[in-house]
Amino acid sequence: MKIVFVLIYFLACFSCPAALPPTTSESSPASRTLLFVDDDPILYRSGTHRVFHPFQRHAGNPVIKGKEKPWEIALAWTSVYRNPTTGLYQLWYQAFAGDRAKDRTRRCVVCYAESTNGITFDKPNLGLFDFNGDTNNSIVLIANGGKSDRYGAAVVVDPLSIDPSRRYKMAYFDFSMDRGREVPGLCVAFSPDGIHWSKHAAAPLSRAAYGDYGEPVPFQDEPGREWAVPLSMSDALDAFYDPVRQVFAIYGKMWIDAPDGGMFWKHGIGRIESRDFVHWSSPQTMLTPADDDPPHVEFHTGPAFFYNGCYFNLLQILNRAENGGAIDIELAVSRDGLAWQRPFKKQFALPRGCAGQFDSGSIFTSATPIVLPEEIRFYYGAYSGGATGADDYSHLSGIGFATLPKDRFAGLKPVSRSDQATLPKPLENIGQITLKPIQMTPGTVLRLNADATEGTIRVELLNEHGYRLRGFSREDALPIEGNSLSHSVKWKDRSLQDLPAGRYLVRIHLNKAEAFALNLETN
């Protein structure tokens, strides 16, 4: 009977969908936004090219400074949550003290901060744990005290959790005792409020590879090499909720083998997933360095998030040959979270800061962007040394954020000149984007995120067979001018109220202008 009960519980954990956490990263049910960051929503386009837009650092960085407390020598991984009702920001961050901690469990801890605006943060004296005897701190999680340090502070907030004590979920790396032996890997903790955490008793939930650098891959029954686990996750990870698959997912460091077969050559990115944050799938390899990458390129980790129908990954590009492992940030995109594209290799989304700045060495991005009405904020921890240099106590460190105007990851704009033989005459700065068929009703409203400061944009409608519609042609369209995240799309004498429900093609005509996204609102 006991075996049957356990089996039923196990199957329930994997068959019942997890609660869907509301997220500011998604449009409302009556709203849909098509991002032009890739060609997924586009039927075809002519005379255009894609322009990438890097993030912009907040002028007041860092918003939290490192080294203000003895337990905050180096600040790295972060997670941020903004309560949609109160606007309160909750921030969790990894704080490394190294040998300055008298207790091994305090060498690398998770701290907590709050803010009403996301800029000025308060670190409350919680008194939950001491650091070298001092309980006036904001530490909310300590390590197990194993062979090496615990890493990470990946928090997912699940407001619809059936169990209120598990509303906040944290994933991190640590060393744990498993059947009398120490094993490294994934650990999780739960909290009702993001402050008081309880570690899940079973650990590790996904074993991690550790050590044996350069050694050949072990045989499955080879004794003494229990930590040399091929095709496993490692010690850096980030978690988020995948609303498409209705699972919690972790993307993180995953080692790949060297040309001679030796282990731990370079970092790739792997993924595991779970419906209950406890039972996790086997790792899948998602990304590895490509043929056209410089030899030094590898991925320290890759925080992923889902936004407006697209998965984004803030790849941490690691260069071991520079400054002990310098890290810049590259943006990767995917439409299913599994097959990833790296179209923006030539320009970092967030490069390291200049010499003398807190983020001039290594940047640790998170899977928790904050979407505001006019901008998206990307919080990150950083220090002025390389990724392996946290115990260099001379470095600068802190937490900052960078911003992007809402939905402007990349835009489409005309090429400077189209002069193909099939054109009656050359065109200067003229291009068009034809979108895939879209279901529209008389209550649909179109809004275009675009910059037409130096030119104009006109939008026309075609039926799903590609024929133009009278009254909705380019000539009938009211010109869009200026720079706005939400231009209204209108015509001279007709409106979408005049159209019967159906599938239509939207064609965007660009004249010295750039389009980033199209939003469809249904009344």
Protein backbone atom coordinates (compact mmCIF):
# COMPACT_ATOMS: atom_id res chain seq x y z
CA MET A 1 0.00 0.00 0.00
CA LYS A 2 2.82 2.41 0.84
CA ILE A 3 4.46 1.78 -2.52
CA VAL A 4 1.17 2.49 -4.34
CA PHE A 5 0.71 5.76 -2.44
CA VAL A 6 4.22 6.94 -3.29
CA LEU A 7 3.70 6.06 -6.94
CA ILE A 8 0.40 7.98 -7.07
CA TYR A 9 2.04 11.02 -5.45
CA PHE A 10 4.96 10.87 -7.87
CA LEU A 11 2.69 10.71 -10.91
CA ALA A 12 0.56 13.56 -9.58
CA CYS A 13 3.59 15.80 -9.28
CA PHE A 14 4.35 15.35 -12.96
CA SER A 15 0.84 15.23 -14.41
CA CYS A 16 -0.77 18.23 -12.70
CA PRO A 17 0.24 21.56 -14.23
CA ALA A 18 2.02 23.94 -11.92
CA ALA A 19 0.28 27.15 -10.94
CA LEU A 20 0.83 29.85 -13.51
CA PRO A 21 2.49 32.83 -11.83
CA PRO A 22 1.24 36.14 -13.22
CA THR A 23 4.12 38.05 -14.77
CA THR A 24 4.66 41.57 -15.97
CA SER A 25 6.51 39.98 -18.88
CA GLU A 26 3.26 39.10 -20.65
CA SER A 27 0.53 41.00 -22.42
CA SER A 28 -3.03 40.80 -21.06
CA PRO A 29 -5.37 38.23 -22.66
CA ALA A 30 -6.95 40.98 -24.76
CA SER A 31 -3.58 42.24 -25.96
CA ARG A 32 -0.92 40.66 -28.13
CA THR A 33 2.46 42.09 -29.05
CA LEU A 34 4.48 40.94 -32.05
CA LEU A 35 8.18 41.62 -31.51
CA PHE A 36 10.39 42.21 -34.54
CA VAL A 37 13.45 40.84 -32.72
CA ASP A 38 13.36 37.95 -35.21
CA ASP A 39 11.32 37.00 -38.30
CA ASP A 40 8.87 34.69 -36.54
CA PRO A 41 5.82 37.01 -36.95
CA ILE A 42 6.92 38.13 -40.44
CA LEU A 43 5.73 36.63 -43.72
CA TYR A 44 8.48 38.46 -45.61
CA ARG A 45 10.15 41.83 -45.78
CA SER A 46 11.79 43.82 -48.56
CA GLY A 47 14.57 46.38 -48.43
CA THR A 48 15.01 46.21 -44.66
CA HIS A 49 17.65 45.14 -42.17
CA ARG A 50 17.52 44.40 -38.45
CA VAL A 51 19.18 46.78 -36.01
CA PHE A 52 20.08 45.59 -32.51
CA HIS A 53 19.67 47.93 -29.54
CA PRO A 54 21.99 47.35 -26.55
CA PHE A 55 20.82 48.02 -23.01
CA GLN A 56 21.66 51.34 -21.36
CA ARG A 57 23.18 51.45 -17.88
CA HIS A 58 21.33 53.32 -15.16
CA ALA A 59 23.22 56.55 -14.50
CA GLY A 60 23.08 56.02 -10.72
CA ASN A 61 24.69 52.55 -10.70
CA PRO A 62 25.38 50.73 -8.51
CA VAL A 63 22.06 50.83 -6.66
CA ILE A 64 23.58 48.52 -4.02
CA LYS A 65 27.26 48.84 -3.26
CA GLY A 66 29.45 45.95 -2.28
CA LYS A 67 31.88 45.97 0.66
CA GLU A 68 29.57 48.08 2.82
CA LYS A 69 29.34 45.05 5.11
CA PRO A 70 32.00 42.38 5.82
CA TRP A 71 29.73 39.67 4.38
CA GLU A 72 29.37 41.55 1.07
CA ILE A 73 32.87 41.46 -0.44
CA ALA A 74 31.58 40.36 -3.86
CA LEU A 75 27.97 40.57 -5.09
CA ALA A 76 26.96 38.37 -8.01
CA TRP A 77 23.73 36.47 -8.81
CA THR A 78 20.46 38.31 -8.20
CA SER A 79 16.71 37.86 -8.55
CA VAL A 80 14.16 40.67 -8.48
CA TYR A 81 10.39 40.68 -8.05
CA ARG A 82 8.08 43.70 -8.27
CA ASN A 83 4.71 43.22 -6.62
CA PRO A 84 2.14 44.21 -9.28
CA THR A 85 -0.27 45.52 -6.63
CA THR A 86 2.00 47.44 -4.24
CA GLY A 87 4.92 48.17 -6.55
CA LEU A 88 7.36 46.94 -3.88
CA TYR A 89 10.63 45.57 -5.22
CA GLN A 90 12.13 42.53 -3.52
CA LEU A 91 15.72 41.73 -4.39
CA TRP A 92 17.77 38.66 -3.44
CA TYR A 93 21.49 38.65 -4.06
CA GLN A 94 24.49 36.44 -3.55
CA ALA A 95 27.01 37.95 -1.15
CA PHE A 96 30.48 36.41 -0.94
CA ALA A 97 32.75 36.91 2.08
CA GLY A 98 35.22 34.08 1.55
CA ASP A 99 37.84 33.66 4.25
CA ARG A 100 36.52 36.66 6.17
CA ALA A 101 33.73 34.37 7.40
CA LYS A 102 34.65 32.39 10.49
CA ASP A 103 31.93 29.84 9.73
CA ARG A 104 32.04 27.98 6.38
CA THR A 105 28.28 28.25 6.06
CA ARG A 106 28.64 32.05 5.86
CA ARG A 107 31.30 32.19 3.14
CA CYS A 108 28.66 32.70 0.43
CA VAL A 109 25.14 33.67 1.52
CA VAL A 110 21.91 35.07 0.09
CA CYS A 111 20.94 38.57 1.24
CA TYR A 112 17.70 40.51 0.86
CA ALA A 113 16.80 44.13 0.04
CA GLU A 114 13.61 46.09 -0.65
CA SER A 115 12.73 49.22 -2.59
CA THR A 116 9.67 51.26 -3.52
CA ASN A 117 11.19 52.50 -6.79
CA GLY A 118 13.81 49.92 -7.74
CA ILE A 119 16.57 52.48 -7.32
CA THR A 120 16.94 53.18 -3.61
CA PHE A 121 17.15 49.90 -1.70
CA ASP A 122 16.90 49.22 2.01
CA LYS A 123 18.71 46.23 3.53
CA PRO A 124 16.68 45.41 6.66
CA ASN A 125 18.34 44.03 9.77
CA LEU A 126 16.47 40.75 9.90
CA GLY A 127 18.41 39.00 12.66
CA LEU A 128 17.87 35.57 11.10
CA PHE A 129 21.53 34.53 10.98
CA ASP A 130 24.71 35.87 12.47
CA PHE A 131 27.90 36.72 10.61
CA ASN A 132 30.92 36.42 12.85
CA GLY A 133 28.56 37.02 15.77
CA ASP A 134 26.74 40.02 14.25
CA THR A 135 23.00 39.46 13.69
CA ASN A 136 22.33 42.95 12.31
CA ASN A 137 22.23 41.87 8.68
CA SER A 138 19.87 41.00 5.82
CA ILE A 139 21.08 37.41 5.33
CA VAL A 140 18.17 35.07 4.50
CA LEU A 141 19.98 31.87 3.47
CA ILE A 142 23.30 30.30 4.44
CA ALA A 143 25.24 27.37 2.97
CA ASN A 144 25.44 23.78 4.13
CA GLY A 145 29.17 24.12 4.74
CA GLY A 146 30.40 21.44 2.33
CA LYS A 147 33.63 21.04 0.43
CA SER A 148 33.20 24.27 -1.54
CA ASP A 149 30.89 27.28 -1.60
CA ARG A 150 27.18 27.44 -2.37
CA TYR A 151 26.25 29.61 -5.34
CA GLY A 152 23.19 31.32 -6.76
CA ALA A 153 20.04 33.17 -5.70
CA ALA A 154 17.47 32.18 -8.32
CA VAL A 155 14.04 33.10 -6.94
CA VAL A 156 10.70 32.44 -8.68
CA VAL A 157 7.56 33.97 -7.16
CA ASP A 158 4.44 31.83 -7.56
CA PRO A 159 1.40 33.79 -6.28
CA LEU A 160 -0.98 30.96 -7.20
CA SER A 161 0.88 28.29 -5.26
CA ILE A 162 -1.55 25.90 -3.56
CA ASP A 163 0.77 25.84 -0.56
CA PRO A 164 1.27 29.44 0.69
CA SER A 165 4.49 28.39 2.43
CA ARG A 166 5.94 27.67 -1.04
CA ARG A 167 4.87 30.90 -2.71
CA TYR A 168 8.53 31.87 -3.10
CA LYS A 169 10.86 29.25 -4.58
CA MET A 170 14.65 29.46 -4.66
CA ALA A 171 17.12 27.31 -6.61
CA TYR A 172 20.84 27.30 -5.83
CA PHE A 173 23.96 25.12 -5.91
CA ASP A 174 25.42 23.58 -2.78
CA PHE A 175 27.05 20.47 -1.32
CA SER A 176 24.75 18.08 0.54
CA MET A 177 24.90 14.75 2.31
CA ASP A 178 23.21 11.99 0.32
CA ARG A 179 23.12 8.53 1.89
CA GLY A 180 26.22 9.20 3.94
CA ARG A 181 28.35 10.86 1.24
CA GLU A 182 28.77 14.45 0.16
CA VAL A 183 27.36 15.26 -3.29
CA PRO A 184 27.23 18.61 -5.15
CA GLY A 185 24.21 19.76 -7.09
CA LEU A 186 20.86 21.52 -7.19
CA CYS A 187 19.24 22.53 -3.91
CA VAL A 188 15.95 24.35 -3.41
CA ALA A 189 14.26 26.28 -0.63
CA PHE A 190 10.74 27.62 -0.09
CA SER A 191 9.31 30.69 1.63
CA PRO A 192 5.92 32.31 2.28
CA ASP A 193 7.31 35.85 2.07
CA GLY A 194 10.75 35.76 0.42
CA ILE A 195 12.45 36.37 3.78
CA HIS A 196 11.96 33.26 5.91
CA TRP A 197 13.27 30.29 3.93
CA SER A 198 13.12 26.56 4.59
CA LYS A 199 15.55 24.32 2.74
CA HIS A 200 13.99 21.28 1.09
CA ALA A 201 15.23 18.23 2.94
CA ALA A 202 16.18 16.16 -0.11
CA ALA A 203 19.33 17.27 -1.92
CA PRO A 204 20.80 17.34 -4.41
CA LEU A 205 17.77 17.20 -6.69
CA SER A 206 19.97 17.21 -9.78
CA ARG A 207 23.57 16.07 -9.42
CA ALA A 208 26.29 18.42 -10.67
CA ALA A 209 29.70 17.75 -12.13
CA TYR A 210 32.59 19.05 -10.07
CA GLY A 211 36.39 18.60 -10.23
CA ASP A 212 38.55 16.21 -12.31
CA TYR A 213 39.58 18.95 -14.75
CA GLY A 214 41.17 17.52 -17.88
CA GLU A 215 40.60 13.90 -16.88
CA PRO A 216 38.85 11.55 -19.35
CA VAL A 217 35.16 10.85 -18.95
CA PRO A 218 34.76 8.06 -16.35
CA PHE A 219 33.20 4.69 -16.94
CA GLN A 220 29.78 4.40 -15.32
CA ASP A 221 31.05 1.88 -12.77
CA GLU A 222 34.41 3.59 -12.16
CA PRO A 223 34.92 4.04 -8.39
CA GLY A 224 36.22 7.21 -6.75
CA ARG A 225 34.94 9.63 -9.39
CA GLU A 226 31.37 10.18 -8.25
CA TRP A 227 31.58 13.93 -8.91
CA ALA A 228 32.74 13.52 -12.52
CA VAL A 229 29.20 13.38 -13.93
CA PRO A 230 29.09 13.83 -17.73
CA LEU A 231 26.23 15.77 -19.33
CA SER A 232 25.18 17.28 -16.02
CA MET A 233 24.50 20.78 -14.79
CA SER A 234 27.19 22.56 -12.82
CA ASP A 235 27.42 25.27 -10.16
CA ALA A 236 25.81 28.29 -11.87
CA LEU A 237 22.07 28.38 -12.56
CA ASP A 238 19.01 30.60 -13.02
CA ALA A 239 15.32 29.66 -12.73
CA PHE A 240 12.08 30.98 -14.23
CA TYR A 241 8.54 29.85 -14.94
CA ASP A 242 7.92 28.71 -18.53
CA PRO A 243 4.26 29.59 -19.22
CA VAL A 244 4.20 27.76 -22.55
CA ARG A 245 5.10 24.35 -21.12
CA GLN A 246 3.70 25.22 -17.68
CA VAL A 247 6.87 24.10 -15.93
CA PHE A 248 9.61 25.67 -13.87
CA ALA A 249 12.84 25.68 -15.86
CA ILE A 250 16.48 26.13 -14.95
CA TYR A 251 19.13 27.19 -17.42
CA GLY A 252 22.69 26.97 -16.23
CA LYS A 253 26.30 26.07 -16.77
CA MET A 254 26.88 22.67 -18.38
CA TRP A 255 30.40 21.47 -19.09
CA ILE A 256 31.43 20.13 -22.50
CA ASP A 257 34.48 17.96 -23.11
CA ALA A 258 37.78 19.00 -24.72
CA PRO A 259 39.07 18.00 -28.19
CA ASP A 260 41.01 15.15 -26.56
CA GLY A 261 37.95 14.00 -24.58
CA GLY A 262 39.08 15.52 -21.29
CA MET A 263 36.32 16.77 -19.01
CA PHE A 264 35.55 20.36 -17.99
CA TRP A 265 36.90 22.07 -21.11
CA LYS A 266 34.32 24.80 -21.68
CA HIS A 267 30.96 25.89 -20.38
CA GLY A 268 27.85 25.31 -22.45
CA ILE A 269 24.25 25.93 -21.39
CA GLY A 270 21.87 23.19 -20.25
CA ARG A 271 18.23 23.08 -19.17
CA ILE A 272 16.22 21.07 -16.65
CA GLU A 273 12.53 21.47 -15.83
CA SER A 274 10.01 20.55 -13.15
CA ARG A 275 6.29 20.91 -12.43
CA ASP A 276 6.70 21.14 -8.66
CA PHE A 277 10.22 22.62 -8.24
CA VAL A 278 11.34 19.37 -6.58
CA HIS A 279 11.33 16.60 -9.19
CA TRP A 280 13.59 17.69 -12.06
CA SER A 281 14.17 16.26 -15.53
CA SER A 282 17.48 15.03 -16.89
CA PRO A 283 19.64 17.87 -18.28
CA GLN A 284 19.40 18.79 -21.95
CA THR A 285 22.25 20.60 -23.71
CA MET A 286 20.89 23.84 -25.19
CA LEU A 287 23.85 25.91 -26.35
CA THR A 288 27.55 25.38 -26.97
CA PRO A 289 30.16 27.64 -28.61
CA ALA A 290 29.85 27.76 -32.41
CA ASP A 291 32.34 27.54 -35.27
CA ASP A 292 32.37 31.29 -35.81
CA ASP A 293 32.99 32.13 -32.13
CA PRO A 294 36.47 33.22 -31.08
CA PRO A 295 38.40 30.38 -29.39
CA HIS A 296 37.99 31.93 -25.94
CA VAL A 297 34.17 32.08 -26.03
CA GLU A 298 32.18 29.99 -23.57
CA PHE A 299 28.99 30.59 -21.58
CA HIS A 300 29.31 31.13 -17.86
CA THR A 301 25.54 30.74 -17.54
CA GLY A 302 22.45 31.84 -19.43
CA PRO A 303 19.48 33.34 -17.54
CA ALA A 304 16.33 32.88 -19.64
CA PHE A 305 12.90 34.50 -19.49
CA PHE A 306 9.72 34.49 -21.58
CA TYR A 307 8.30 37.75 -22.89
CA ASN A 308 5.66 38.52 -25.51
CA GLY A 309 5.82 35.15 -27.23
CA CYS A 310 9.60 34.95 -27.27
CA TYR A 311 12.24 33.39 -25.03
CA PHE A 312 15.28 35.52 -24.32
CA ASN A 313 18.61 34.47 -22.86
CA LEU A 314 21.12 36.89 -21.33
CA LEU A 315 24.18 34.82 -22.17
CA GLN A 316 27.19 35.48 -19.99
CA ILE A 317 30.09 35.33 -22.47
CA LEU A 318 33.15 34.19 -20.52
CA ASN A 319 36.71 34.98 -21.61
CA ARG A 320 39.08 33.03 -19.37
CA ALA A 321 42.11 34.61 -20.99
CA GLU A 322 41.21 38.09 -19.74
CA ASN A 323 41.23 39.30 -16.16
CA GLY A 324 40.66 35.86 -14.65
CA GLY A 325 37.48 35.23 -16.62
CA ALA A 326 35.87 38.44 -17.82
CA ILE A 327 32.15 38.37 -18.65
CA ASP A 328 30.12 40.38 -21.18
CA ILE A 329 26.43 39.87 -21.97
CA GLU A 330 25.01 38.70 -25.30
CA LEU A 331 21.30 38.42 -26.13
CA ALA A 332 20.06 35.11 -27.59
CA VAL A 333 16.48 34.40 -28.74
CA SER A 334 14.25 31.37 -29.16
CA ARG A 335 10.61 30.73 -29.99
CA ASP A 336 10.36 27.44 -28.09
CA GLY A 337 12.99 27.75 -25.36
CA LEU A 338 14.96 24.83 -26.79
CA ALA A 339 16.34 25.85 -30.20
CA TRP A 340 18.31 29.04 -29.67
CA GLN A 341 19.61 31.62 -32.12
CA ARG A 342 22.45 34.07 -31.49
CA PRO A 343 21.84 36.77 -34.11
CA PHE A 344 23.49 39.59 -32.15
CA LYS A 345 27.02 38.26 -31.63
CA LYS A 346 28.64 41.34 -33.09
CA GLN A 347 27.34 43.68 -30.40
CA PHE A 348 26.97 42.88 -26.71
CA ALA A 349 23.63 43.67 -25.09
CA LEU A 350 25.58 44.77 -22.02
CA PRO A 351 29.37 44.98 -22.29
CA ARG A 352 31.59 45.33 -19.26
CA GLY A 353 31.97 48.82 -17.85
CA CYS A 354 35.05 50.99 -18.17
CA ALA A 355 38.07 50.55 -15.92
CA GLY A 356 37.39 51.75 -12.40
CA GLN A 357 33.69 50.86 -12.49
CA PHE A 358 32.13 48.16 -10.34
CA ASP A 359 31.07 46.15 -13.41
CA SER A 360 34.31 46.37 -15.40
CA GLY A 361 35.23 42.71 -14.89
CA SER A 362 32.27 40.32 -14.62
CA ILE A 363 28.53 40.79 -15.03
CA PHE A 364 26.03 38.29 -13.60
CA THR A 365 22.64 38.77 -15.25
CA SER A 366 19.36 37.39 -13.91
CA ALA A 367 16.21 35.72 -15.25
CA THR A 368 13.95 38.38 -13.70
CA PRO A 369 13.56 41.49 -15.87
CA ILE A 370 11.16 44.10 -14.54
CA VAL A 371 8.71 45.32 -17.19
CA LEU A 372 7.43 48.85 -16.58
CA PRO A 373 5.04 50.88 -18.78
CA GLU A 374 7.85 52.50 -20.77
CA GLU A 375 10.98 50.46 -20.09
CA ILE A 376 12.36 47.07 -19.16
CA ARG A 377 14.93 46.89 -16.36
CA PHE A 378 17.62 44.23 -16.20
CA TYR A 379 19.23 43.95 -12.76
CA TYR A 380 22.66 42.39 -12.37
CA GLY A 381 25.43 41.83 -9.87
CA ALA A 382 29.01 42.53 -10.84
CA TYR A 383 32.56 43.06 -9.74
CA SER A 384 35.64 44.57 -11.31
CA GLY A 385 37.57 41.30 -11.38
CA GLY A 386 37.12 38.13 -13.38
CA ALA A 387 34.51 35.51 -12.61
CA THR A 388 36.99 33.47 -10.60
CA GLY A 389 38.29 36.49 -8.71
CA ALA A 390 35.61 36.95 -6.05
CA ASP A 391 38.17 36.37 -3.31
CA ASP A 392 40.35 39.24 -4.55
CA TYR A 393 39.32 41.66 -1.82
CA SER A 394 40.70 44.69 -3.68
CA HIS A 395 38.00 44.69 -6.36
CA LEU A 396 34.88 46.87 -6.64
CA SER A 397 31.48 45.24 -6.54
CA GLY A 398 27.79 46.07 -6.53
CA ILE A 399 24.35 45.60 -8.04
CA GLY A 400 23.06 47.78 -10.83
CA PHE A 401 20.58 47.69 -13.66
CA ALA A 402 20.37 48.54 -17.32
CA THR A 403 17.28 49.58 -19.27
CA LEU A 404 15.71 49.16 -22.66
CA PRO A 405 12.73 51.11 -24.02
CA LYS A 406 9.82 48.71 -23.84
CA ASP A 407 9.87 46.07 -26.60
CA ARG A 408 12.86 47.61 -28.39
CA PHE A 409 15.26 44.68 -28.39
CA ALA A 410 15.76 45.10 -32.13
CA GLY A 411 14.08 47.04 -34.91
CA LEU A 412 13.65 46.84 -38.67
CA LYS A 413 14.61 49.80 -40.81
CA PRO A 414 15.18 50.33 -44.55
CA VAL A 415 18.52 49.70 -46.16
CA SER A 416 20.08 52.90 -47.46
CA ARG A 417 19.64 51.95 -51.11
CA SER A 418 17.78 49.25 -53.05
CA ASP A 419 18.84 49.17 -56.70
CA GLN A 420 18.01 45.66 -57.93
CA ALA A 421 17.36 45.24 -61.65
CA THR A 422 13.73 44.35 -60.97
CA LEU A 423 13.04 47.84 -59.58
CA PRO A 424 11.84 50.55 -62.00
CA LYS A 425 14.23 52.92 -60.25
CA PRO A 426 16.54 52.81 -57.19
CA LEU A 427 14.92 53.40 -53.81
CA GLU A 428 16.52 55.37 -50.99
CA ASN A 429 15.64 54.39 -47.38
CA ILE A 430 12.41 52.65 -48.41
CA GLY A 431 11.35 49.25 -47.07
CA GLN A 432 8.29 47.22 -46.17
CA ILE A 433 7.39 44.49 -43.66
CA THR A 434 4.50 42.12 -44.39
CA LEU A 435 3.32 40.20 -41.35
CA LYS A 436 1.85 36.70 -41.30
CA PRO A 437 -1.98 36.50 -41.35
CA ILE A 438 -3.54 37.89 -38.18
CA GLN A 439 -7.06 37.21 -36.93
CA MET A 440 -8.81 40.54 -36.37
CA THR A 441 -12.28 41.61 -35.31
CA PRO A 442 -14.09 44.94 -35.65
CA GLY A 443 -12.91 45.82 -32.13
CA THR A 444 -9.20 45.36 -32.87
CA VAL A 445 -6.85 48.31 -32.27
CA LEU A 446 -3.38 48.42 -33.82
CA ARG A 447 -0.54 50.27 -32.14
CA LEU A 448 2.96 50.46 -33.60
CA ASN A 449 6.15 50.79 -31.55
CA ALA A 450 8.31 52.80 -33.93
CA ASP A 451 10.71 55.69 -34.41
CA ALA A 452 9.76 57.88 -37.36
CA THR A 453 11.57 60.97 -36.17
CA GLU A 454 13.35 61.42 -39.50
CA GLY A 455 10.67 60.03 -41.80
CA THR A 456 7.22 58.47 -41.96
CA ILE A 457 5.44 55.14 -41.67
CA ARG A 458 2.20 54.08 -43.31
CA VAL A 459 0.33 50.87 -42.54
CA GLU A 460 -1.95 49.11 -45.01
CA LEU A 461 -4.09 46.00 -44.80
CA LEU A 462 -4.34 43.15 -47.26
CA ASN A 463 -6.64 40.16 -47.19
CA GLU A 464 -5.08 36.79 -46.36
CA HIS A 465 -4.59 36.13 -50.09
CA GLY A 466 -2.42 39.23 -50.45
CA TYR A 467 -4.88 41.63 -52.11
CA ARG A 468 -4.99 45.23 -50.88
CA LEU A 469 -8.20 46.45 -49.27
CA ARG A 470 -9.85 49.64 -50.49
CA GLY A 471 -9.78 52.33 -47.85
CA PHE A 472 -6.92 50.60 -46.02
CA SER A 473 -4.15 51.04 -48.59
CA ARG A 474 -0.88 52.88 -48.10
CA GLU A 475 -2.38 55.91 -49.84
CA ASP A 476 -5.31 55.89 -47.43
CA ALA A 477 -3.16 55.56 -44.30
CA LEU A 478 -2.54 58.51 -42.01
CA PRO A 479 1.23 59.00 -41.79
CA ILE A 480 2.94 58.01 -38.56
CA GLU A 481 5.62 60.47 -37.49
CA GLY A 482 7.77 60.99 -34.42
CA ASN A 483 9.03 58.52 -31.83
CA SER A 484 6.54 56.57 -29.70
CA LEU A 485 6.17 53.20 -28.03
CA SER A 486 2.51 53.20 -29.06
CA HIS A 487 1.64 54.98 -32.32
CA SER A 488 -2.04 54.66 -33.24
CA VAL A 489 -2.56 53.08 -36.67
CA LYS A 490 -5.32 54.90 -38.58
CA TRP A 491 -6.70 55.54 -42.06
CA LYS A 492 -8.33 58.66 -43.55
CA ASP A 493 -11.91 57.52 -43.99
CA ARG A 494 -12.08 53.97 -42.65
CA SER A 495 -11.46 52.19 -39.37
CA LEU A 496 -11.13 48.59 -38.26
CA GLN A 497 -14.75 48.79 -37.10
CA ASP A 498 -15.61 48.70 -40.81
CA LEU A 499 -13.88 45.35 -41.36
CA PRO A 500 -15.59 42.01 -40.88
CA ALA A 501 -13.82 39.53 -38.61
CA GLY A 502 -11.20 37.58 -40.48
CA ARG A 503 -7.53 36.99 -41.22
CA TYR A 504 -5.58 39.89 -42.63
CA LEU A 505 -2.03 40.76 -43.59
CA VAL A 506 -0.58 43.92 -42.03
CA ARG A 507 2.00 45.66 -44.22
CA ILE A 508 4.22 48.34 -42.69
CA HIS A 509 5.75 50.81 -45.15
CA LEU A 510 8.93 52.44 -43.83
CA ASN A 511 10.45 55.67 -45.10
CA LYS A 512 13.57 56.59 -43.09
CA ALA A 513 11.95 55.00 -40.03
CA GLU A 514 12.35 52.00 -37.73
CA ALA A 515 9.67 49.62 -36.44
CA PHE A 516 10.13 47.49 -33.30
CA ALA A 517 6.80 45.82 -32.52
CA LEU A 518 3.09 45.76 -33.30
CA ASN A 519 0.51 45.55 -30.53
CA LEU A 520 -3.01 44.26 -31.17
CA GLU A 521 -5.72 45.09 -28.65
CA THR A 522 -9.14 43.47 -28.74
CA ASN A 523 -12.02 45.20 -27.01
